[in-house]
C-alpha atoms as a PDB file:
ATOM      1  CA  MET A   1       9.494  23.365  78.339  1.00  0.00           C
ATOM      2  CA  ASP A   2      12.593  21.753  80.206  1.00  0.00           C
ATOM      3  CA  ILE A   3      14.290  23.421  83.220  1.00  0.00           C
ATOM      4  CA  ILE A   4      17.728  22.497  83.944  1.00  0.00           C
ATOM      5  CA  VAL A   5      19.672  23.614  87.495  1.00  0.00           C
ATOM      6  CA  SER A   6      23.147  23.503  87.930  1.00  0.00           C
ATOM      7  CA  LYS A   7      25.433  25.140  90.616  1.00  0.00           C
ATOM      8  CA  GLU A   8      28.495  27.405  89.986  1.00  0.00           C
ATOM      9  CA  LYS A   9      30.735  28.891  92.474  1.00  0.00           C
ATOM     10  CA  GLY A  10      31.850  32.615  92.196  1.00  0.00           C
ATOM     11  CA  HIS A  11      31.817  34.793  94.938  1.00  0.00           C
ATOM     12  CA  GLU A  12      28.888  33.187  96.250  1.00  0.00           C
ATOM     13  CA  ALA A  13      26.788  30.025  95.127  1.00  0.00           C
ATOM     14  CA  ILE A  14      24.986  30.792  92.085  1.00  0.00           C
ATOM     15  CA  ALA A  15      21.938  28.781  90.682  1.00  0.00           C
ATOM     16  CA  VAL A  16      22.296  28.429  86.691  1.00  0.00           C
ATOM     17  CA  ILE A  17      19.091  27.873  85.557  1.00  0.00           C
ATOM     18  CA  LYS A  18      18.735  26.687  81.850  1.00  0.00           C
ATOM     19  CA  VAL A  19      15.103  27.321  80.130  1.00  0.00           C
ATOM     20  CA  VAL A  20      14.615  24.982  77.209  1.00  0.00           C
ATOM     21  CA  GLY A  21      11.598  25.583  74.760  1.00  0.00           C
ATOM     22  CA  GLN A  22       8.800  28.305  75.412  1.00  0.00           C
ATOM     23  CA  LEU A  23       8.232  30.378  78.370  1.00  0.00           C
ATOM     24  CA  ASP A  24       4.462  31.012  78.145  1.00  0.00           C
ATOM     25  CA  GLY A  25       1.296  30.968  79.935  1.00  0.00           C
ATOM     26  CA  GLN A  26       1.661  26.992  80.206  1.00  0.00           C
ATOM     27  CA  THR A  27       5.229  26.768  81.479  1.00  0.00           C
ATOM     28  CA  TYR A  28       5.904  30.063  83.406  1.00  0.00           C
ATOM     29  CA  GLN A  29       4.883  28.896  86.882  1.00  0.00           C
ATOM     30  CA  GLN A  30       7.255  26.016  86.536  1.00  0.00           C
ATOM     31  CA  LEU A  31      10.001  28.396  86.194  1.00  0.00           C
ATOM     32  CA  ILE A  32       8.557  30.163  89.243  1.00  0.00           C
ATOM     33  CA  ASP A  33       8.574  27.122  91.051  1.00  0.00           C
ATOM     34  CA  VAL A  34      12.090  26.077  90.437  1.00  0.00           C
ATOM     35  CA  ALA A  35      13.442  29.511  91.449  1.00  0.00           C
ATOM     36  CA  ARG A  36      11.575  29.424  94.436  1.00  0.00           C
ATOM     37  CA  LYS A  37      12.781  25.947  95.343  1.00  0.00           C
ATOM     38  CA  GLU A  38      16.294  26.854  94.655  1.00  0.00           C
ATOM     39  CA  PHE A  39      16.064  30.314  96.713  1.00  0.00           C
ATOM     40  CA  GLU A  40      14.721  28.334  99.788  1.00  0.00           C
ATOM     41  CA  ALA A  41      17.677  25.918  99.242  1.00  0.00           C
ATOM     42  CA  GLY A  42      19.692  28.923  99.825  1.00  0.00           C
ATOM     43  CA  SER A  43      20.643  30.313  96.158  1.00  0.00           C
ATOM     44  CA  LYS A  44      20.654  33.942  96.324  1.00  0.00           C
ATOM     45  CA  SER A  45      21.777  34.758  92.599  1.00  0.00           C
ATOM     46  CA  PHE A  46      20.554  33.318  89.418  1.00  0.00           C
ATOM     47  CA  LEU A  47      21.994  33.028  86.035  1.00  0.00           C
ATOM     48  CA  LEU A  48      19.154  32.318  83.638  1.00  0.00           C
ATOM     49  CA  ASP A  49      20.518  30.703  80.458  1.00  0.00           C
ATOM     50  CA  LEU A  50      18.227  31.615  77.784  1.00  0.00           C
ATOM     51  CA  SER A  51      20.188  30.010  74.738  1.00  0.00           C
ATOM     52  CA  GLU A  52      17.589  27.200  74.054  1.00  0.00           C
ATOM     53  CA  LEU A  53      14.396  29.601  74.844  1.00  0.00           C
ATOM     54  CA  SER A  54      12.881  29.995  71.786  1.00  0.00           C
ATOM     55  CA  TYR A  55       9.644  32.211  72.873  1.00  0.00           C
ATOM     56  CA  ILE A  56       8.649  34.251  75.898  1.00  0.00           C
ATOM     57  CA  SER A  57       5.201  35.502  76.420  1.00  0.00           C
ATOM     58  CA  SER A  58       3.579  37.900  78.886  1.00  0.00           C
ATOM     59  CA  ALA A  59       3.281  35.320  81.176  1.00  0.00           C
ATOM     60  CA  GLY A  60       7.049  34.441  80.548  1.00  0.00           C
ATOM     61  CA  LEU A  61       7.808  38.334  81.446  1.00  0.00           C
ATOM     62  CA  VAL A  62       5.628  37.706  84.635  1.00  0.00           C
ATOM     63  CA  SER A  63       8.020  34.942  85.518  1.00  0.00           C
ATOM     64  CA  LEU A  64      11.193  36.994  85.081  1.00  0.00           C
ATOM     65  CA  HIS A  65       9.783  39.725  87.309  1.00  0.00           C
ATOM     66  CA  THR A  66       8.632  37.202  89.917  1.00  0.00           C
ATOM     67  CA  LEU A  67      11.967  35.732  89.910  1.00  0.00           C
ATOM     68  CA  ALA A  68      13.385  39.234  90.650  1.00  0.00           C
ATOM     69  CA  LEU A  69      10.808  39.571  93.676  1.00  0.00           C
ATOM     70  CA  ILE A  70      11.653  36.382  95.009  1.00  0.00           C
ATOM     71  CA  LEU A  71      15.499  37.541  95.080  1.00  0.00           C
ATOM     72  CA  GLN A  72      14.666  41.048  96.764  1.00  0.00           C
ATOM     73  CA  GLY A  73      12.546  38.962  99.429  1.00  0.00           C
ATOM     74  CA  THR A  74       9.604  41.176  98.210  1.00  0.00           C
ATOM     75  CA  PRO A  75       5.884  39.580  98.546  1.00  0.00           C
ATOM     76  CA  LEU A  76       4.934  38.372  95.232  1.00  0.00           C
ATOM     77  CA  PRO A  77       1.720  39.529  93.070  1.00  0.00           C
ATOM     78  CA  ASN A  78      -1.108  36.998  92.809  1.00  0.00           C
ATOM     79  CA  SER A  79      -0.732  35.615  89.163  1.00  0.00           C
ATOM     80  CA  GLU A  80      -4.303  35.248  88.706  1.00  0.00           C
ATOM     81  CA  GLU A  81      -4.692  39.008  88.716  1.00  0.00           C
ATOM     82  CA  GLY A  82      -4.013  39.275  85.258  1.00  0.00           C
ATOM     83  CA  TRP A  83      -3.183  42.943  84.223  1.00  0.00           C
ATOM     84  CA  ASN A  84      -2.518  43.730  87.695  1.00  0.00           C
ATOM     85  CA  THR A  85       0.274  41.413  87.750  1.00  0.00           C
ATOM     86  CA  LEU A  86       1.620  43.183  84.651  1.00  0.00           C
ATOM     87  CA  LYS A  87       1.184  46.476  86.026  1.00  0.00           C
ATOM     88  CA  SER A  88       3.220  45.377  89.622  1.00  0.00           C
ATOM     89  CA  MET A  89       6.371  45.033  87.145  1.00  0.00           C
ATOM     90  CA  ASP A  90       6.964  48.768  87.622  1.00  0.00           C
ATOM     91  CA  ARG A  91       8.062  47.654  91.216  1.00  0.00           C
ATOM     92  CA  THR A  92      10.998  45.886  89.484  1.00  0.00           C
ATOM     93  CA  ARG A  93      11.443  48.945  87.228  1.00  0.00           C
ATOM     94  CA  GLU A  94      11.771  51.011  90.240  1.00  0.00           C
ATOM     95  CA  SER A  95      14.478  48.908  91.852  1.00  0.00           C
ATOM     96  CA  GLY A  96      16.308  49.484  88.960  1.00  0.00           C
ATOM     97  CA  LYS A  97      19.181  47.126  87.399  1.00  0.00           C
ATOM     98  CA  GLN A  98      18.678  43.672  89.244  1.00  0.00           C
ATOM     99  CA  LYS A  99      22.079  42.802  90.830  1.00  0.00           C
ATOM    100  CA  ASN A 100      21.344  39.010  91.674  1.00  0.00           C
ATOM    101  CA  ILE A 101      19.465  37.886  88.484  1.00  0.00           C
ATOM    102  CA  LYS A 102      21.178  37.989  85.047  1.00  0.00           C
ATOM    103  CA  LEU A 103      20.597  36.462  81.588  1.00  0.00           C
ATOM    104  CA  LEU A 104      22.943  34.631  79.584  1.00  0.00           C
ATOM    105  CA  ASN A 105      22.656  34.210  75.695  1.00  0.00           C
ATOM    106  CA  PRO A 106      19.059  35.085  74.797  1.00  0.00           C
ATOM    107  CA  GLN A 107      18.101  34.419  71.208  1.00  0.00           C
ATOM    108  CA  ASP A 108      17.252  37.274  69.126  1.00  0.00           C
ATOM    109  CA  GLN A 109      13.479  36.822  69.409  1.00  0.00           C
ATOM    110  CA  VAL A 110      13.852  36.732  72.804  1.00  0.00           C
ATOM    111  CA  THR A 111      16.003  39.731  73.224  1.00  0.00           C
ATOM    112  CA  SER A 112      13.631  41.639  70.844  1.00  0.00           C
ATOM    113  CA  VAL A 113      10.588  41.059  73.268  1.00  0.00           C
ATOM    114  CA  LEU A 114      12.982  42.135  76.531  1.00  0.00           C
ATOM    115  CA  ASP A 115      14.017  45.159  74.695  1.00  0.00           C
ATOM    116  CA  MET A 116      10.343  45.954  73.680  1.00  0.00           C
ATOM    117  CA  VAL A 117       8.886  46.087  77.269  1.00  0.00           C
ATOM    118  CA  GLY A 118      12.168  47.537  78.611  1.00  0.00           C
ATOM    119  CA  PHE A 119      13.505  44.347  80.617  1.00  0.00           C
ATOM    120  CA  SER A 120      16.888  44.879  78.772  1.00  0.00           C
ATOM    121  CA  SER A 121      17.532  47.637  81.109  1.00  0.00           C
ATOM    122  CA  LEU A 122      16.752  45.773  84.143  1.00  0.00           C
ATOM    123  CA  PHE A 123      18.793  42.718  83.632  1.00  0.00           C
ATOM    124  CA  ASP A 124      22.486  42.468  82.793  1.00  0.00           C
ATOM    125  CA  VAL A 125      22.705  40.381  79.364  1.00  0.00           C
ATOM    126  CA  PHE A 126      25.873  38.423  78.994  1.00  0.00           C
ATOM    127  CA  THR A 127      27.089  36.299  75.889  1.00  0.00           C
ATOM    128  CA  ASP A 128      30.099  34.601  77.852  1.00  0.00           C
ATOM    129  CA  LYS A 129      28.917  32.250  80.801  1.00  0.00           C
ATOM    130  CA  GLN A 130      32.306  33.052  82.699  1.00  0.00           C
ATOM    131  CA  GLN A 131      31.764  36.586  82.504  1.00  0.00           C
ATOM    132  CA  ALA A 132      28.162  36.350  83.783  1.00  0.00           C
ATOM    133  CA  LEU A 133      29.254  34.272  86.817  1.00  0.00           C
ATOM    134  CA  ASP A 134      32.214  36.760  87.647  1.00  0.00           C
ATOM    135  CA  SER A 135      29.481  39.505  87.701  1.00  0.00           C
ATOM    136  CA  PHE A 136      27.960  38.349  90.690  1.00  0.00           C
END
């Protein structure tokens, strides 16, 4: 998996994080590490460009959940706890639609997984980058 980060200016500084390849148990921590670094550097909003993400596993879903928690300033779950980490995703659901993380152009197979687990109702999904940036 490759991750490409760029900065955009909207109403605030936005980190555009493009994820290329597969987001799974081998790569999810890489996305979390990049997001944490961007957050610590001052980025308080993320636009995840998923246009070249070909696959997302349950571990990939954990990384999306973790990014939401990072932006909320919430303590992170221990990813070594398996199902307990997945169950902690209810905290993201309870906080409602995520205001500081949005998704751009997920492929159909990724959208299908997001729909199946209910993440489509948590993250605004855009097909136009400028509209996504303007929405922050």
